[in-house]
Structure formats: structure tokens, C-alpha cells
């Protein structure tokens, strides 16, 4: 994670980095993240 709960971030700033040893593991992680999009939520601080 590049940002912590409650931390203000700028538009376009990375929130997290996925690491994998193989392309298959990366594809799995990306798919899991896409299916569970509620893992990370971003709210407008306004």
C-alpha cells in the first residue's frame, strides 16, 4: 500500500502495487482485485 487509511492523496497517485513471481500469479491477483473492488474504497474529502 502506498497510502494509509485517512491519508489524503492526489488524483492519479498510486494506491498500491501488486507483486507476483509469474504472469499467471499477476493475472490471478488482478482478477481477484477486479472481482473484489470493495477491498479499497476512495472517498471525496469534500
C-alpha atoms as a PDB file:
ATOM      1  CA  UNK A   1       0.000   0.000   0.000  1.00  0.00           C
ATOM      2  CA  UNK A   2       1.236   3.451  -0.892  1.00  0.00           C
ATOM      3  CA  UNK A   3      -1.482   5.247   1.067  1.00  0.00           C
ATOM      4  CA  UNK A   4      -2.808   4.675   4.563  1.00  0.00           C
ATOM      5  CA  UNK A   5      -6.373   4.914   5.896  1.00  0.00           C
ATOM      6  CA  UNK A   6      -7.355   8.544   6.256  1.00  0.00           C
ATOM      7  CA  UNK A   7      -4.353   9.821   4.312  1.00  0.00           C
ATOM      8  CA  UNK A   8      -5.087  12.450   1.663  1.00  0.00           C
ATOM      9  CA  UNK A   9      -3.776  11.580  -1.794  1.00  0.00           C
ATOM     10  CA  UNK A  10      -3.569  13.459  -5.054  1.00  0.00           C
ATOM     11  CA  UNK A  11      -5.521  12.420  -8.137  1.00  0.00           C
ATOM     12  CA  UNK A  12      -3.520   9.920 -10.150  1.00  0.00           C
ATOM     13  CA  UNK A  13      -1.261   8.903  -7.252  1.00  0.00           C
ATOM     14  CA  UNK A  14      -0.742   5.128  -6.915  1.00  0.00           C
ATOM     15  CA  UNK A  15      -2.661   3.450  -4.096  1.00  0.00           C
ATOM     16  CA  UNK A  16      -0.972   0.060  -4.173  1.00  0.00           C
ATOM     17  CA  UNK A  17       1.440  -2.132  -6.115  1.00  0.00           C
ATOM     18  CA  UNK A  18       0.787  -5.773  -6.949  1.00  0.00           C
ATOM     19  CA  UNK A  19       3.831  -8.046  -6.993  1.00  0.00           C
ATOM     20  CA  UNK A  20       3.982 -11.543  -8.486  1.00  0.00           C
ATOM     21  CA  UNK A  21       6.641 -14.059  -9.474  1.00  0.00           C
ATOM     22  CA  UNK A  22       4.844 -15.215 -12.620  1.00  0.00           C
ATOM     23  CA  UNK A  23       2.457 -13.739 -15.176  1.00  0.00           C
ATOM     24  CA  UNK A  24      -0.194 -16.254 -14.063  1.00  0.00           C
ATOM     25  CA  UNK A  25       0.032 -15.091 -10.442  1.00  0.00           C
ATOM     26  CA  UNK A  26      -0.250 -11.477 -11.558  1.00  0.00           C
ATOM     27  CA  UNK A  27      -3.285 -12.274 -13.722  1.00  0.00           C
ATOM     28  CA  UNK A  28      -4.898 -14.067 -10.766  1.00  0.00           C
ATOM     29  CA  UNK A  29      -4.227 -11.146  -8.412  1.00  0.00           C
ATOM     30  CA  UNK A  30      -5.575  -8.617 -10.901  1.00  0.00           C
ATOM     31  CA  UNK A  31      -8.688 -10.716 -11.481  1.00  0.00           C
ATOM     32  CA  UNK A  32      -9.252 -11.141  -7.739  1.00  0.00           C
ATOM     33  CA  UNK A  33      -8.876  -7.430  -7.196  1.00  0.00           C
ATOM     34  CA  UNK A  34     -11.319  -6.696 -10.051  1.00  0.00           C
ATOM     35  CA  UNK A  35     -13.908  -9.099  -8.583  1.00  0.00           C
ATOM     36  CA  UNK A  36     -13.492  -7.644  -5.088  1.00  0.00           C
ATOM     37  CA  UNK A  37     -13.281  -3.941  -5.890  1.00  0.00           C
ATOM     38  CA  UNK A  38     -14.632  -3.090  -2.429  1.00  0.00           C
ATOM     39  CA  UNK A  39     -11.259  -4.080  -0.914  1.00  0.00           C
ATOM     40  CA  UNK A  40     -10.123  -0.493  -1.495  1.00  0.00           C
ATOM     41  CA  UNK A  41     -12.510   2.441  -1.398  1.00  0.00           C
ATOM     42  CA  UNK A  42     -11.760   6.032  -2.272  1.00  0.00           C
ATOM     43  CA  UNK A  43     -13.931   8.822  -0.946  1.00  0.00           C
ATOM     44  CA  UNK A  44     -14.066  12.501  -1.765  1.00  0.00           C
ATOM     45  CA  UNK A  45     -12.830  14.524   1.202  1.00  0.00           C
ATOM     46  CA  UNK A  46     -15.141  17.440   0.375  1.00  0.00           C
END
